[in-house]
N, C-alpha and C. Protein backbone atom coordinates (compact mmCIF):
# COMPACT_ATOMS: atom_id res chain seq x y z
N MET A 1 9.23 -8.53 -8.64
CA MET A 1 9.06 -8.51 -10.10
C MET A 1 7.65 -8.89 -10.59
N MET A 2 7.16 -7.93 -11.19
CA MET A 2 5.92 -8.06 -11.50
C MET A 2 5.68 -9.06 -12.59
N THR A 3 4.28 -9.76 -12.82
CA THR A 3 3.96 -10.60 -13.68
C THR A 3 3.50 -9.89 -14.77
N PRO A 4 3.99 -10.05 -16.06
CA PRO A 4 3.43 -9.30 -17.34
C PRO A 4 2.19 -9.68 -17.48
N PRO A 5 1.32 -8.83 -18.27
CA PRO A 5 -0.14 -8.94 -18.33
C PRO A 5 -0.15 -10.37 -19.22
N GLY A 6 -1.19 -11.06 -18.76
CA GLY A 6 -1.62 -12.38 -19.64
C GLY A 6 -0.65 -13.62 -19.29
N ALA A 7 0.48 -13.23 -18.72
CA ALA A 7 1.38 -14.57 -17.96
C ALA A 7 0.49 -15.05 -16.66
N PRO A 8 0.84 -16.17 -16.69
CA PRO A 8 0.46 -17.09 -15.45
C PRO A 8 1.03 -16.56 -14.24
N ALA A 9 0.33 -16.52 -13.19
CA ALA A 9 0.75 -16.02 -11.86
C ALA A 9 1.79 -16.70 -11.30
N PRO A 10 2.98 -16.37 -10.72
CA PRO A 10 4.04 -17.03 -10.15
C PRO A 10 3.44 -18.46 -9.46
N GLY A 11 3.88 -19.73 -9.64
CA GLY A 11 3.48 -20.85 -8.96
C GLY A 11 2.48 -21.61 -9.88
N MET A 12 1.89 -20.85 -11.00
CA MET A 12 0.70 -21.31 -11.70
C MET A 12 1.50 -22.12 -12.99
N LYS A 13 1.05 -23.13 -13.34
CA LYS A 13 1.40 -23.94 -14.69
C LYS A 13 0.82 -23.47 -15.78
N HIS A 14 -0.57 -23.24 -15.58
CA HIS A 14 -1.50 -22.77 -16.84
C HIS A 14 -1.77 -21.39 -16.75
N LYS A 15 -1.97 -20.81 -18.19
CA LYS A 15 -2.18 -19.66 -18.25
C LYS A 15 -3.94 -19.74 -17.91
N GLY A 16 -4.68 -18.96 -17.32
CA GLY A 16 -6.03 -18.72 -17.09
C GLY A 16 -6.71 -17.83 -17.93
N THR A 17 -7.91 -17.93 -17.76
CA THR A 17 -8.62 -17.02 -18.62
C THR A 17 -8.49 -15.58 -17.81
N PRO A 18 -8.05 -14.77 -18.84
CA PRO A 18 -8.27 -13.40 -18.07
C PRO A 18 -9.24 -12.80 -17.48
N MET A 19 -9.20 -12.34 -16.33
CA MET A 19 -10.41 -11.96 -15.53
C MET A 19 -10.81 -10.29 -16.34
N GLN A 20 -12.12 -10.18 -16.41
CA GLN A 20 -12.66 -9.02 -16.93
C GLN A 20 -13.18 -8.24 -15.83
N THR A 21 -12.67 -6.92 -15.82
CA THR A 21 -12.89 -5.97 -14.77
C THR A 21 -13.80 -4.67 -15.29
N ALA A 22 -14.45 -4.33 -14.59
CA ALA A 22 -15.03 -2.84 -14.93
C ALA A 22 -14.07 -1.80 -14.80
N PRO A 23 -14.38 -0.70 -15.74
CA PRO A 23 -13.20 0.28 -15.39
C PRO A 23 -13.46 1.22 -14.42
N LEU A 24 -12.64 1.57 -13.79
CA LEU A 24 -12.64 2.25 -12.33
C LEU A 24 -12.38 3.88 -12.80
N ASP A 25 -13.01 4.85 -12.03
CA ASP A 25 -13.06 6.00 -12.24
C ASP A 25 -12.80 6.64 -10.61
N PHE A 26 -11.61 7.26 -10.70
CA PHE A 26 -11.55 7.99 -9.24
C PHE A 26 -11.57 9.28 -9.19
N ARG A 27 -11.98 10.03 -7.87
CA ARG A 27 -12.01 11.35 -7.94
C ARG A 27 -11.98 11.60 -6.66
N LEU A 28 -11.59 12.82 -6.04
CA LEU A 28 -11.43 13.21 -4.72
C LEU A 28 -12.74 13.59 -4.08
N ALA A 29 -12.87 12.70 -2.89
CA ALA A 29 -13.96 13.09 -2.11
C ALA A 29 -14.26 14.60 -1.54
N THR A 30 -15.51 14.85 -1.73
CA THR A 30 -16.10 16.27 -1.35
C THR A 30 -16.94 16.38 -0.35
N ARG A 31 -17.36 17.21 0.25
CA ARG A 31 -18.44 17.60 1.29
C ARG A 31 -19.80 16.58 1.25
N ALA A 32 -20.13 16.53 -0.33
CA ALA A 32 -20.93 15.90 -0.48
C ALA A 32 -21.23 14.57 -0.41
N ASP A 33 -19.84 13.85 -0.42
CA ASP A 33 -19.62 12.48 0.21
C ASP A 33 -19.54 12.13 1.36
N GLU A 34 -19.55 13.24 2.30
CA GLU A 34 -19.32 13.00 3.52
C GLU A 34 -20.04 11.83 4.42
N GLU A 35 -21.65 11.89 4.32
CA GLU A 35 -22.38 10.61 4.77
C GLU A 35 -22.22 9.40 4.34
N LEU A 36 -21.80 9.42 3.03
CA LEU A 36 -21.62 8.07 2.34
C LEU A 36 -20.40 7.57 3.04
N LEU A 37 -19.22 8.36 3.05
CA LEU A 37 -18.25 7.77 3.49
C LEU A 37 -18.20 7.51 4.91
N ILE A 38 -19.12 8.13 5.91
CA ILE A 38 -18.98 7.58 7.10
C ILE A 38 -19.93 6.41 7.01
N ALA A 39 -20.99 6.12 6.31
CA ALA A 39 -21.81 4.85 6.31
C ALA A 39 -20.89 3.93 6.09
N LEU A 40 -19.96 3.96 4.81
CA LEU A 40 -18.97 3.15 4.49
C LEU A 40 -18.08 2.70 5.53
N MET A 41 -17.55 3.51 6.33
CA MET A 41 -16.67 3.24 7.57
C MET A 41 -17.38 2.58 8.67
N ARG A 42 -18.69 3.07 8.80
CA ARG A 42 -19.52 2.29 9.99
C ARG A 42 -19.56 0.89 9.55
N GLU A 43 -19.67 0.39 8.34
CA GLU A 43 -19.99 -0.92 7.96
C GLU A 43 -18.35 -1.66 7.98
N PHE A 44 -17.42 -0.87 7.64
CA PHE A 44 -16.10 -1.76 7.61
C PHE A 44 -15.87 -1.82 9.13
N TYR A 45 -15.97 -0.93 10.20
CA TYR A 45 -15.76 -1.20 11.33
C TYR A 45 -16.66 -2.28 11.95
N ALA A 46 -17.77 -2.48 11.58
CA ALA A 46 -18.69 -3.78 12.01
C ALA A 46 -18.38 -4.88 11.56
N GLU A 47 -17.78 -4.92 10.41
CA GLU A 47 -17.25 -6.29 9.76
C GLU A 47 -16.19 -6.76 10.87
N ASP A 48 -15.30 -5.65 11.01
CA ASP A 48 -13.97 -6.30 11.82
C ASP A 48 -14.46 -6.00 13.37
N ARG A 49 -15.69 -5.76 13.68
CA ARG A 49 -16.06 -5.57 15.22
C ARG A 49 -15.34 -4.41 15.92
N ILE A 50 -14.75 -3.59 15.19
CA ILE A 50 -14.29 -2.27 16.01
C ILE A 50 -15.12 -1.37 16.12
N ASP A 51 -15.16 -0.90 17.68
CA ASP A 51 -16.00 0.25 18.04
C ASP A 51 -16.09 1.48 17.31
N PHE A 52 -17.22 1.78 16.91
CA PHE A 52 -17.39 3.18 15.96
C PHE A 52 -17.88 4.25 16.80
N ASP A 53 -17.21 5.17 16.90
CA ASP A 53 -17.30 6.46 17.82
C ASP A 53 -17.74 7.28 16.92
N ASP A 54 -18.98 7.81 16.46
CA ASP A 54 -19.41 8.67 15.60
C ASP A 54 -19.08 10.08 15.68
N ALA A 55 -18.84 10.47 16.82
CA ALA A 55 -18.11 11.70 16.79
C ALA A 55 -16.73 12.09 16.36
N ARG A 56 -16.16 10.97 16.71
CA ARG A 56 -14.63 11.04 16.43
C ARG A 56 -14.53 10.89 14.90
N VAL A 57 -15.18 9.77 14.22
CA VAL A 57 -15.04 9.67 13.02
C VAL A 57 -15.35 10.68 12.07
N ARG A 58 -16.46 11.51 12.59
CA ARG A 58 -16.94 12.72 11.71
C ARG A 58 -15.86 13.76 12.08
N ARG A 59 -15.15 13.98 13.03
CA ARG A 59 -14.24 14.88 13.07
C ARG A 59 -12.85 14.68 12.16
N GLY A 60 -12.64 13.37 12.30
CA GLY A 60 -11.46 12.82 11.44
C GLY A 60 -12.04 12.96 9.88
N VAL A 61 -13.06 12.90 9.51
CA VAL A 61 -13.70 12.95 8.01
C VAL A 61 -13.51 14.19 7.68
N ASP A 62 -14.17 15.04 8.53
CA ASP A 62 -14.04 16.65 8.35
C ASP A 62 -12.73 17.14 8.30
N ALA A 63 -11.74 16.64 8.84
CA ALA A 63 -10.32 17.14 8.80
C ALA A 63 -9.71 16.68 7.48
N LEU A 64 -10.10 15.31 6.94
CA LEU A 64 -9.71 15.04 5.70
C LEU A 64 -10.13 15.72 4.62
N LEU A 65 -11.56 16.03 4.59
CA LEU A 65 -12.11 16.59 3.51
C LEU A 65 -11.78 18.14 3.71
N ALA A 66 -11.34 18.84 4.63
CA ALA A 66 -10.78 20.00 4.61
C ALA A 66 -9.54 20.47 4.10
N ASP A 67 -8.87 19.29 3.95
CA ASP A 67 -7.32 19.33 3.50
C ASP A 67 -7.16 18.56 2.17
N PRO A 68 -7.26 19.50 0.83
CA PRO A 68 -7.02 18.67 -0.33
C PRO A 68 -6.07 18.19 -0.63
N ARG A 69 -4.97 18.15 -0.10
CA ARG A 69 -3.57 17.57 -0.43
C ARG A 69 -3.99 16.06 -0.39
């Protein structure tokens, strides 16, 4: 069951101040985003101490960007 907007979260007794968020804008990634995506993945992998195989990641990103589904 979803909590209605403005209602206290489950387990909370008092309604808090609503959080203000910036508007989000989503779009499909393109080839122009490839280096940015790889850089973000590299940072994510480093945060979780996961080995980053640049060639393998590039092949994966290439495959994802080639398929518009």
